[in-house]
Amino acid sequence: MNQSKLDSEEKNIIDSLESGEWKSVPDLETQKTMFKQMAKRSRAKTKRITLRVTEQDYALAHVKAIKDGIPYQTLISSVIHRYLTGQLRDVG
């Protein structure tokens, strides 16, 4: 693939894909449906915020969102929501 017109983030994603880091999502259609429903519920009444994260976390969020087939903002919002509602536990 001609990577000359891609920015560094896009090149990193392609390198990650080509190195075999990505895995297929089991039952992709069910997962897509779940995330679409979560996105619809979260759009009902949203509040815009500014959030600072490390470049590494930002890149990881993009890669994970691409794997899941959703926008990275939706992924981050989902993680925050699941943590705050007790559906995601702190492992630290």
PDB file of N, CA and C in Angstrom:
ATOM      1  N   MET A   1       0.849  -1.184   0.000  1.00  0.00           N
ATOM      2  CA  MET A   1       0.000   0.000   0.000  1.00  0.00           C
ATOM      3  C   MET A   1       0.891   1.243   0.000  1.00  0.00           C
ATOM      4  N   ASN A   2       0.533   2.243  -0.799  1.00  0.00           N
ATOM      5  CA  ASN A   2       1.268   3.494  -0.862  1.00  0.00           C
ATOM      6  C   ASN A   2       0.948   4.324   0.384  1.00  0.00           C
ATOM      7  N   GLN A   3       1.940   4.440   1.268  1.00  0.00           N
ATOM      8  CA  GLN A   3       1.729   5.148   2.526  1.00  0.00           C
ATOM      9  C   GLN A   3       2.238   6.581   2.482  1.00  0.00           C
ATOM     10  N   SER A   4       2.638   7.061   1.308  1.00  0.00           N
ATOM     11  CA  SER A   4       3.258   8.386   1.231  1.00  0.00           C
ATOM     12  C   SER A   4       2.306   9.523   1.586  1.00  0.00           C
ATOM     13  N   LYS A   5       0.999   9.351   1.405  1.00  0.00           N
ATOM     14  CA  LYS A   5       0.048  10.419   1.697  1.00  0.00           C
ATOM     15  C   LYS A   5      -0.629  10.249   3.051  1.00  0.00           C
ATOM     16  N   LEU A   6      -0.191   9.276   3.846  1.00  0.00           N
ATOM     17  CA  LEU A   6      -0.803   9.026   5.143  1.00  0.00           C
ATOM     18  C   LEU A   6      -0.055   9.776   6.234  1.00  0.00           C
ATOM     19  N   ASP A   7      -0.788  10.196   7.283  1.00  0.00           N
ATOM     20  CA  ASP A   7      -0.104  10.814   8.413  1.00  0.00           C
ATOM     21  C   ASP A   7       0.475   9.703   9.298  1.00  0.00           C
ATOM     22  N   SER A   8       1.230  10.078  10.313  1.00  0.00           N
ATOM     23  CA  SER A   8       1.924   9.086  11.136  1.00  0.00           C
ATOM     24  C   SER A   8       0.952   8.164  11.865  1.00  0.00           C
ATOM     25  N   GLU A   9      -0.173   8.700  12.292  1.00  0.00           N
ATOM     26  CA  GLU A   9      -1.166   7.869  12.983  1.00  0.00           C
ATOM     27  C   GLU A   9      -1.722   6.793  12.054  1.00  0.00           C
ATOM     28  N   GLU A  10      -2.034   7.180  10.833  1.00  0.00           N
ATOM     29  CA  GLU A  10      -2.553   6.220   9.862  1.00  0.00           C
ATOM     30  C   GLU A  10      -1.491   5.169   9.515  1.00  0.00           C
ATOM     31  N   LYS A  11      -0.231   5.588   9.395  1.00  0.00           N
ATOM     32  CA  LYS A  11       0.853   4.645   9.119  1.00  0.00           C
ATOM     33  C   LYS A  11       1.017   3.658  10.280  1.00  0.00           C
ATOM     34  N   ASN A  12       0.903   4.146  11.512  1.00  0.00           N
ATOM     35  CA  ASN A  12       1.006   3.263  12.673  1.00  0.00           C
ATOM     36  C   ASN A  12      -0.106   2.226  12.684  1.00  0.00           C
ATOM     37  N   ILE A  13      -1.297   2.637  12.314  1.00  0.00           N
ATOM     38  CA  ILE A  13      -2.433   1.709  12.270  1.00  0.00           C
ATOM     39  C   ILE A  13      -2.190   0.632  11.214  1.00  0.00           C
ATOM     40  N   ILE A  14      -1.728   1.038  10.043  1.00  0.00           N
ATOM     41  CA  ILE A  14      -1.460   0.066   8.981  1.00  0.00           C
ATOM     42  C   ILE A  14      -0.339  -0.879   9.394  1.00  0.00           C
ATOM     43  N   ASP A  15       0.725  -0.347   9.991  1.00  0.00           N
ATOM     44  CA  ASP A  15       1.822  -1.188  10.463  1.00  0.00           C
ATOM     45  C   ASP A  15       1.319  -2.202  11.492  1.00  0.00           C
ATOM     46  N   SER A  16       0.454  -1.744  12.387  1.00  0.00           N
ATOM     47  CA  SER A  16      -0.118  -2.622  13.413  1.00  0.00           C
ATOM     48  C   SER A  16      -0.929  -3.737  12.766  1.00  0.00           C
ATOM     49  N   LEU A  17      -1.719  -3.386  11.782  1.00  0.00           N
ATOM     50  CA  LEU A  17      -2.540  -4.373  11.075  1.00  0.00           C
ATOM     51  C   LEU A  17      -1.669  -5.386  10.347  1.00  0.00           C
ATOM     52  N   GLU A  18      -0.684  -4.886   9.627  1.00  0.00           N
ATOM     53  CA  GLU A  18       0.167  -5.767   8.834  1.00  0.00           C
ATOM     54  C   GLU A  18       1.063  -6.651   9.689  1.00  0.00           C
ATOM     55  N   SER A  19       1.352  -6.249  10.923  1.00  0.00           N
ATOM     56  CA  SER A  19       2.201  -7.066  11.795  1.00  0.00           C
ATOM     57  C   SER A  19       1.401  -8.143  12.528  1.00  0.00           C
ATOM     58  N   GLY A  20       0.092  -8.195  12.275  1.00  0.00           N
ATOM     59  CA  GLY A  20      -0.725  -9.251  12.867  1.00  0.00           C
ATOM     60  C   GLY A  20      -1.230  -8.965  14.266  1.00  0.00           C
ATOM     61  N   GLU A  21      -1.167  -7.700  14.698  1.00  0.00           N
ATOM     62  CA  GLU A  21      -1.627  -7.354  16.043  1.00  0.00           C
ATOM     63  C   GLU A  21      -3.144  -7.396  16.170  1.00  0.00           C
ATOM     64  N   TRP A  22      -3.851  -7.290  15.065  1.00  0.00           N
ATOM     65  CA  TRP A  22      -5.311  -7.215  15.102  1.00  0.00           C
ATOM     66  C   TRP A  22      -5.903  -8.614  15.040  1.00  0.00           C
ATOM     67  N   LYS A  23      -6.964  -8.815  15.765  1.00  0.00           N
ATOM     68  CA  LYS A  23      -7.665 -10.095  15.798  1.00  0.00           C
ATOM     69  C   LYS A  23      -9.119  -9.875  15.407  1.00  0.00           C
ATOM     70  N   SER A  24      -9.707 -10.875  14.808  1.00  0.00           N
ATOM     71  CA  SER A  24     -11.126 -10.798  14.448  1.00  0.00           C
ATOM     72  C   SER A  24     -11.973 -10.730  15.704  1.00  0.00           C
ATOM     73  N   VAL A  25     -13.067  -9.981  15.623  1.00  0.00           N
ATOM     74  CA  VAL A  25     -13.996  -9.856  16.742  1.00  0.00           C
ATOM     75  C   VAL A  25     -15.012 -10.991  16.632  1.00  0.00           C
ATOM     76  N   PRO A  26     -15.148 -11.793  17.705  1.00  0.00           N
ATOM     77  CA  PRO A  26     -16.159 -12.839  17.637  1.00  0.00           C
ATOM     78  C   PRO A  26     -17.553 -12.212  17.572  1.00  0.00           C
ATOM     79  N   ASP A  27     -18.390 -12.753  16.714  1.00  0.00           N
ATOM     80  CA  ASP A  27     -19.766 -12.298  16.554  1.00  0.00           C
ATOM     81  C   ASP A  27     -19.819 -10.785  16.307  1.00  0.00           C
ATOM     82  N   LEU A  28     -19.169 -10.359  15.250  1.00  0.00           N
ATOM     83  CA  LEU A  28     -19.026  -8.940  14.927  1.00  0.00           C
ATOM     84  C   LEU A  28     -20.361  -8.218  14.829  1.00  0.00           C
ATOM     85  N   GLU A  29     -21.338  -8.824  14.170  1.00  0.00           N
ATOM     86  CA  GLU A  29     -22.623  -8.148  13.989  1.00  0.00           C
ATOM     87  C   GLU A  29     -23.303  -7.849  15.323  1.00  0.00           C
ATOM     88  N   THR A  30     -23.231  -8.782  16.273  1.00  0.00           N
ATOM     89  CA  THR A  30     -23.810  -8.557  17.598  1.00  0.00           C
ATOM     90  C   THR A  30     -23.097  -7.413  18.298  1.00  0.00           C
ATOM     91  N   GLN A  31     -21.780  -7.386  18.202  1.00  0.00           N
ATOM     92  CA  GLN A  31     -21.004  -6.314  18.834  1.00  0.00           C
ATOM     93  C   GLN A  31     -21.316  -4.966  18.193  1.00  0.00           C
ATOM     94  N   LYS A  32     -21.433  -4.926  16.865  1.00  0.00           N
ATOM     95  CA  LYS A  32     -21.775  -3.673  16.186  1.00  0.00           C
ATOM     96  C   LYS A  32     -23.132  -3.169  16.657  1.00  0.00           C
ATOM     97  N   THR A  33     -24.099  -4.084  16.736  1.00  0.00           N
ATOM     98  CA  THR A  33     -25.443  -3.715  17.183  1.00  0.00           C
ATOM     99  C   THR A  33     -25.399  -3.151  18.597  1.00  0.00           C
ATOM    100  N   MET A  34     -24.643  -3.811  19.473  1.00  0.00           N
ATOM    101  CA  MET A  34     -24.524  -3.352  20.858  1.00  0.00           C
ATOM    102  C   MET A  34     -23.944  -1.939  20.922  1.00  0.00           C
ATOM    103  N   PHE A  35     -22.861  -1.699  20.183  1.00  0.00           N
ATOM    104  CA  PHE A  35     -22.232  -0.384  20.226  1.00  0.00           C
ATOM    105  C   PHE A  35     -23.109   0.686  19.577  1.00  0.00           C
ATOM    106  N   LYS A  36     -23.850   0.320  18.534  1.00  0.00           N
ATOM    107  CA  LYS A  36     -24.771   1.280  17.921  1.00  0.00           C
ATOM    108  C   LYS A  36     -25.859   1.684  18.910  1.00  0.00           C
ATOM    109  N   GLN A  37     -26.386   0.702  19.641  1.00  0.00           N
ATOM    110  CA  GLN A  37     -27.407   1.005  20.640  1.00  0.00           C
ATOM    111  C   GLN A  37     -26.840   1.884  21.743  1.00  0.00           C
ATOM    112  N   MET A  38     -25.627   1.583  22.171  1.00  0.00           N
ATOM    113  CA  MET A  38     -24.982   2.395  23.200  1.00  0.00           C
ATOM    114  C   MET A  38     -24.788   3.827  22.698  1.00  0.00           C
ATOM    115  N   ALA A  39     -24.394   3.954  21.442  1.00  0.00           N
ATOM    116  CA  ALA A  39     -24.176   5.286  20.876  1.00  0.00           C
ATOM    117  C   ALA A  39     -25.481   6.066  20.811  1.00  0.00           C
ATOM    118  N   LYS A  40     -26.560   5.401  20.405  1.00  0.00           N
ATOM    119  CA  LYS A  40     -27.861   6.075  20.334  1.00  0.00           C
ATOM    120  C   LYS A  40     -28.307   6.543  21.712  1.00  0.00           C
ATOM    121  N   ARG A  41     -28.128   5.687  22.719  1.00  0.00           N
ATOM    122  CA  ARG A  41     -28.521   6.076  24.080  1.00  0.00           C
ATOM    123  C   ARG A  41     -27.665   7.226  24.587  1.00  0.00           C
ATOM    124  N   SER A  42     -26.403   7.210  24.253  1.00  0.00           N
ATOM    125  CA  SER A  42     -25.513   8.253  24.763  1.00  0.00           C
ATOM    126  C   SER A  42     -25.741   9.591  24.056  1.00  0.00           C
ATOM    127  N   ARG A  43     -26.323   9.563  22.857  1.00  0.00           N
ATOM    128  CA  ARG A  43     -26.578  10.811  22.127  1.00  0.00           C
ATOM    129  C   ARG A  43     -27.827  11.525  22.610  1.00  0.00           C
ATOM    130  N   ALA A  44     -28.648  10.858  23.403  1.00  0.00           N
ATOM    131  CA  ALA A  44     -29.912  11.448  23.824  1.00  0.00           C
ATOM    132  C   ALA A  44     -29.694  12.839  24.414  1.00  0.00           C
ATOM    133  N   LYS A  45     -28.883  12.939  25.426  1.00  0.00           N
ATOM    134  CA  LYS A  45     -28.541  14.224  26.039  1.00  0.00           C
ATOM    135  C   LYS A  45     -27.058  14.173  26.358  1.00  0.00           C
ATOM    136  N   THR A  46     -26.282  14.754  25.499  1.00  0.00           N
ATOM    137  CA  THR A  46     -24.839  14.691  25.707  1.00  0.00           C
ATOM    138  C   THR A  46     -24.300  16.049  26.117  1.00  0.00           C
ATOM    139  N   LYS A  47     -23.160  16.013  26.730  1.00  0.00           N
ATOM    140  CA  LYS A  47     -22.457  17.211  27.160  1.00  0.00           C
ATOM    141  C   LYS A  47     -21.055  17.132  26.579  1.00  0.00           C
ATOM    142  N   ARG A  48     -20.649  18.152  25.878  1.00  0.00           N
ATOM    143  CA  ARG A  48     -19.307  18.188  25.294  1.00  0.00           C
ATOM    144  C   ARG A  48     -18.288  18.499  26.392  1.00  0.00           C
ATOM    145  N   ILE A  49     -17.192  17.738  26.400  1.00  0.00           N
ATOM    146  CA  ILE A  49     -16.124  17.987  27.362  1.00  0.00           C
ATOM    147  C   ILE A  49     -14.788  18.000  26.628  1.00  0.00           C
ATOM    148  N   THR A  50     -13.800  18.557  27.286  1.00  0.00           N
ATOM    149  CA  THR A  50     -12.431  18.487  26.807  1.00  0.00           C
ATOM    150  C   THR A  50     -11.701  17.543  27.742  1.00  0.00           C
ATOM    151  N   LEU A  51     -11.017  16.589  27.168  1.00  0.00           N
ATOM    152  CA  LEU A  51     -10.354  15.556  27.961  1.00  0.00           C
ATOM    153  C   LEU A  51      -8.929  15.407  27.459  1.00  0.00           C
ATOM    154  N   ARG A  52      -7.990  15.498  28.359  1.00  0.00           N
ATOM    155  CA  ARG A  52      -6.589  15.313  27.971  1.00  0.00           C
ATOM    156  C   ARG A  52      -6.180  13.876  28.297  1.00  0.00           C
ATOM    157  N   VAL A  53      -5.600  13.216  27.309  1.00  0.00           N
ATOM    158  CA  VAL A  53      -5.095  11.857  27.485  1.00  0.00           C
ATOM    159  C   VAL A  53      -3.704  11.794  26.878  1.00  0.00           C
ATOM    160  N   THR A  54      -2.956  10.785  27.243  1.00  0.00           N
ATOM    161  CA  THR A  54      -1.621  10.630  26.671  1.00  0.00           C
ATOM    162  C   THR A  54      -1.749  10.284  25.186  1.00  0.00           C
ATOM    163  N   GLU A  55      -0.703  10.570  24.444  1.00  0.00           N
ATOM    164  CA  GLU A  55      -0.711  10.228  23.017  1.00  0.00           C
ATOM    165  C   GLU A  55      -0.874   8.728  22.824  1.00  0.00           C
ATOM    166  N   GLN A  56      -0.264   7.950  23.718  1.00  0.00           N
ATOM    167  CA  GLN A  56      -0.376   6.491  23.612  1.00  0.00           C
ATOM    168  C   GLN A  56      -1.828   6.041  23.804  1.00  0.00           C
ATOM    169  N   ASP A  57      -2.516   6.571  24.827  1.00  0.00           N
ATOM    170  CA  ASP A  57      -3.916   6.197  25.049  1.00  0.00           C
ATOM    171  C   ASP A  57      -4.792   6.658  23.889  1.00  0.00           C
ATOM    172  N   TYR A  58      -4.491   7.827  23.355  1.00  0.00           N
ATOM    173  CA  TYR A  58      -5.233   8.346  22.208  1.00  0.00           C
ATOM    174  C   TYR A  58      -5.096   7.399  21.008  1.00  0.00           C
ATOM    175  N   ALA A  59      -3.869   6.975  20.747  1.00  0.00           N
ATOM    176  CA  ALA A  59      -3.619   6.055  19.625  1.00  0.00           C
ATOM    177  C   ALA A  59      -4.287   4.705  19.874  1.00  0.00           C
ATOM    178  N   LEU A  60      -4.186   4.204  21.107  1.00  0.00           N
ATOM    179  CA  LEU A  60      -4.825   2.922  21.431  1.00  0.00           C
ATOM    180  C   LEU A  60      -6.341   3.003  21.274  1.00  0.00           C
ATOM    181  N   ALA A  61      -6.918   4.129  21.655  1.00  0.00           N
ATOM    182  CA  ALA A  61      -8.366   4.303  21.504  1.00  0.00           C
ATOM    183  C   ALA A  61      -8.755   4.272  20.029  1.00  0.00           C
ATOM    184  N   HIS A  62      -7.952   4.897  19.190  1.00  0.00           N
ATOM    185  CA  HIS A  62      -8.243   4.883  17.758  1.00  0.00           C
ATOM    186  C   HIS A  62      -8.156   3.471  17.194  1.00  0.00           C
ATOM    187  N   VAL A  63      -7.107   2.749  17.554  1.00  0.00           N
ATOM    188  CA  VAL A  63      -6.934   1.386  17.051  1.00  0.00           C
ATOM    189  C   VAL A  63      -8.084   0.498  17.512  1.00  0.00           C
ATOM    190  N   LYS A  64      -8.420   0.574  18.802  1.00  0.00           N
ATOM    191  CA  LYS A  64      -9.508  -0.241  19.343  1.00  0.00           C
ATOM    192  C   LYS A  64     -10.831   0.115  18.677  1.00  0.00           C
ATOM    193  N   ALA A  65     -11.086   1.391  18.469  1.00  0.00           N
ATOM    194  CA  ALA A  65     -12.331   1.824  17.831  1.00  0.00           C
ATOM    195  C   ALA A  65     -12.415   1.302  16.393  1.00  0.00           C
ATOM    196  N   ILE A  66     -11.312   1.346  15.685  1.00  0.00           N
ATOM    197  CA  ILE A  66     -11.290   0.818  14.323  1.00  0.00           C
ATOM    198  C   ILE A  66     -11.591  -0.675  14.340  1.00  0.00           C
ATOM    199  N   LYS A  67     -10.969  -1.390  15.277  1.00  0.00           N
ATOM    200  CA  LYS A  67     -11.231  -2.832  15.400  1.00  0.00           C
ATOM    201  C   LYS A  67     -12.708  -3.095  15.668  1.00  0.00           C
ATOM    202  N   ASP A  68     -13.325  -2.254  16.490  1.00  0.00           N
ATOM    203  CA  ASP A  68     -14.729  -2.438  16.864  1.00  0.00           C
ATOM    204  C   ASP A  68     -15.697  -1.826  15.853  1.00  0.00           C
ATOM    205  N   GLY A  69     -15.168  -1.070  14.899  1.00  0.00           N
ATOM    206  CA  GLY A  69     -16.003  -0.471  13.867  1.00  0.00           C
ATOM    207  C   GLY A  69     -16.855   0.688  14.359  1.00  0.00           C
ATOM    208  N   ILE A  70     -16.331   1.440  15.328  1.00  0.00           N
ATOM    209  CA  ILE A  70     -17.080   2.573  15.882  1.00  0.00           C
ATOM    210  C   ILE A  70     -16.163   3.794  15.959  1.00  0.00           C
ATOM    211  N   PRO A  71     -16.715   4.995  16.059  1.00  0.00           N
ATOM    212  CA  PRO A  71     -15.878   6.181  16.245  1.00  0.00           C
ATOM    213  C   PRO A  71     -15.162   6.132  17.604  1.00  0.00           C
ATOM    214  N   TYR A  72     -13.952   6.676  17.648  1.00  0.00           N
ATOM    215  CA  TYR A  72     -13.190   6.602  18.886  1.00  0.00           C
ATOM    216  C   TYR A  72     -13.861   7.374  20.022  1.00  0.00           C
ATOM    217  N   GLN A  73     -14.588   8.454  19.706  1.00  0.00           N
ATOM    218  CA  GLN A  73     -15.287   9.198  20.753  1.00  0.00           C
ATOM    219  C   GLN A  73     -16.363   8.331  21.403  1.00  0.00           C
ATOM    220  N   THR A  74     -17.034   7.524  20.599  1.00  0.00           N
ATOM    221  CA  THR A  74     -18.056   6.614  21.116  1.00  0.00           C
ATOM    222  C   THR A  74     -17.421   5.579  22.032  1.00  0.00           C
ATOM    223  N   LEU A  75     -16.277   5.063  21.625  1.00  0.00           N
ATOM    224  CA  LEU A  75     -15.567   4.080  22.451  1.00  0.00           C
ATOM    225  C   LEU A  75     -15.197   4.678  23.805  1.00  0.00           C
ATOM    226  N   ILE A  76     -14.600   5.866  23.792  1.00  0.00           N
ATOM    227  CA  ILE A  76     -14.178   6.501  25.041  1.00  0.00           C
ATOM    228  C   ILE A  76     -15.389   6.791  25.924  1.00  0.00           C
ATOM    229  N   SER A  77     -16.457   7.302  25.336  1.00  0.00           N
ATOM    230  CA  SER A  77     -17.682   7.574  26.082  1.00  0.00           C
ATOM    231  C   SER A  77     -18.242   6.292  26.695  1.00  0.00           C
ATOM    232  N   SER A  78     -18.196   5.212  25.923  1.00  0.00           N
ATOM    233  CA  SER A  78     -18.696   3.921  26.400  1.00  0.00           C
ATOM    234  C   SER A  78     -17.885   3.417  27.591  1.00  0.00           C
ATOM    235  N   VAL A  79     -16.564   3.536  27.504  1.00  0.00           N
ATOM    236  CA  VAL A  79     -15.701   3.091  28.604  1.00  0.00           C
ATOM    237  C   VAL A  79     -15.994   3.897  29.867  1.00  0.00           C
ATOM    238  N   ILE A  80     -16.117   5.199  29.723  1.00  0.00           N
ATOM    239  CA  ILE A  80     -16.431   6.053  30.878  1.00  0.00           C
ATOM    240  C   ILE A  80     -17.784   5.661  31.466  1.00  0.00           C
ATOM    241  N   HIS A  81     -18.785   5.496  30.608  1.00  0.00           N
ATOM    242  CA  HIS A  81     -20.126   5.140  31.082  1.00  0.00           C
ATOM    243  C   HIS A  81     -20.118   3.786  31.804  1.00  0.00           C
ATOM    244  N   ARG A  82     -19.472   2.794  31.190  1.00  0.00           N
ATOM    245  CA  ARG A  82     -19.450   1.460  31.815  1.00  0.00           C
ATOM    246  C   ARG A  82     -18.708   1.482  33.149  1.00  0.00           C
ATOM    247  N   TYR A  83     -17.639   2.257  33.246  1.00  0.00           N
ATOM    248  CA  TYR A  83     -16.912   2.350  34.514  1.00  0.00           C
ATOM    249  C   TYR A  83     -17.783   3.019  35.582  1.00  0.00           C
ATOM    250  N   LEU A  84     -18.409   4.116  35.219  1.00  0.00           N
ATOM    251  CA  LEU A  84     -19.207   4.874  36.201  1.00  0.00           C
ATOM    252  C   LEU A  84     -20.456   4.129  36.645  1.00  0.00           C
ATOM    253  N   THR A  85     -20.969   3.240  35.808  1.00  0.00           N
ATOM    254  CA  THR A  85     -22.175   2.485  36.170  1.00  0.00           C
ATOM    255  C   THR A  85     -21.841   1.108  36.726  1.00  0.00           C
ATOM    256  N   GLY A  86     -20.562   0.843  36.980  1.00  0.00           N
ATOM    257  CA  GLY A  86     -20.170  -0.420  37.597  1.00  0.00           C
ATOM    258  C   GLY A  86     -20.088  -1.598  36.655  1.00  0.00           C
ATOM    259  N   GLN A  87     -20.226  -1.356  35.362  1.00  0.00           N
ATOM    260  CA  GLN A  87     -20.148  -2.448  34.391  1.00  0.00           C
ATOM    261  C   GLN A  87     -18.713  -2.742  33.983  1.00  0.00           C
ATOM    262  N   LEU A  88     -17.796  -1.875  34.365  1.00  0.00           N
ATOM    263  CA  LEU A  88     -16.377  -2.025  34.059  1.00  0.00           C
ATOM    264  C   LEU A  88     -15.627  -1.798  35.359  1.00  0.00           C
ATOM    265  N   ARG A  89     -14.823  -2.752  35.734  1.00  0.00           N
ATOM    266  CA  ARG A  89     -14.145  -2.665  37.024  1.00  0.00           C
ATOM    267  C   ARG A  89     -12.725  -2.147  36.881  1.00  0.00           C
ATOM    268  N   ASP A  90     -12.278  -1.423  37.893  1.00  0.00           N
ATOM    269  CA  ASP A  90     -10.902  -0.942  37.978  1.00  0.00           C
ATOM    270  C   ASP A  90     -10.015  -2.141  38.303  1.00  0.00           C
ATOM    271  N   VAL A  91      -9.026  -2.410  37.477  1.00  0.00           N
ATOM    272  CA  VAL A  91      -8.140  -3.544  37.720  1.00  0.00           C
ATOM    273  C   VAL A  91      -6.828  -3.112  38.347  1.00  0.00           C
ATOM    274  N   GLY A  92      -6.704  -1.834  38.643  1.00  0.00           N
ATOM    275  CA  GLY A  92      -5.442  -1.311  39.170  1.00  0.00           C
ATOM    276  C   GLY A  92      -5.283  -1.394  40.634  1.00  0.00           C
TER     277      GLY A  92
END
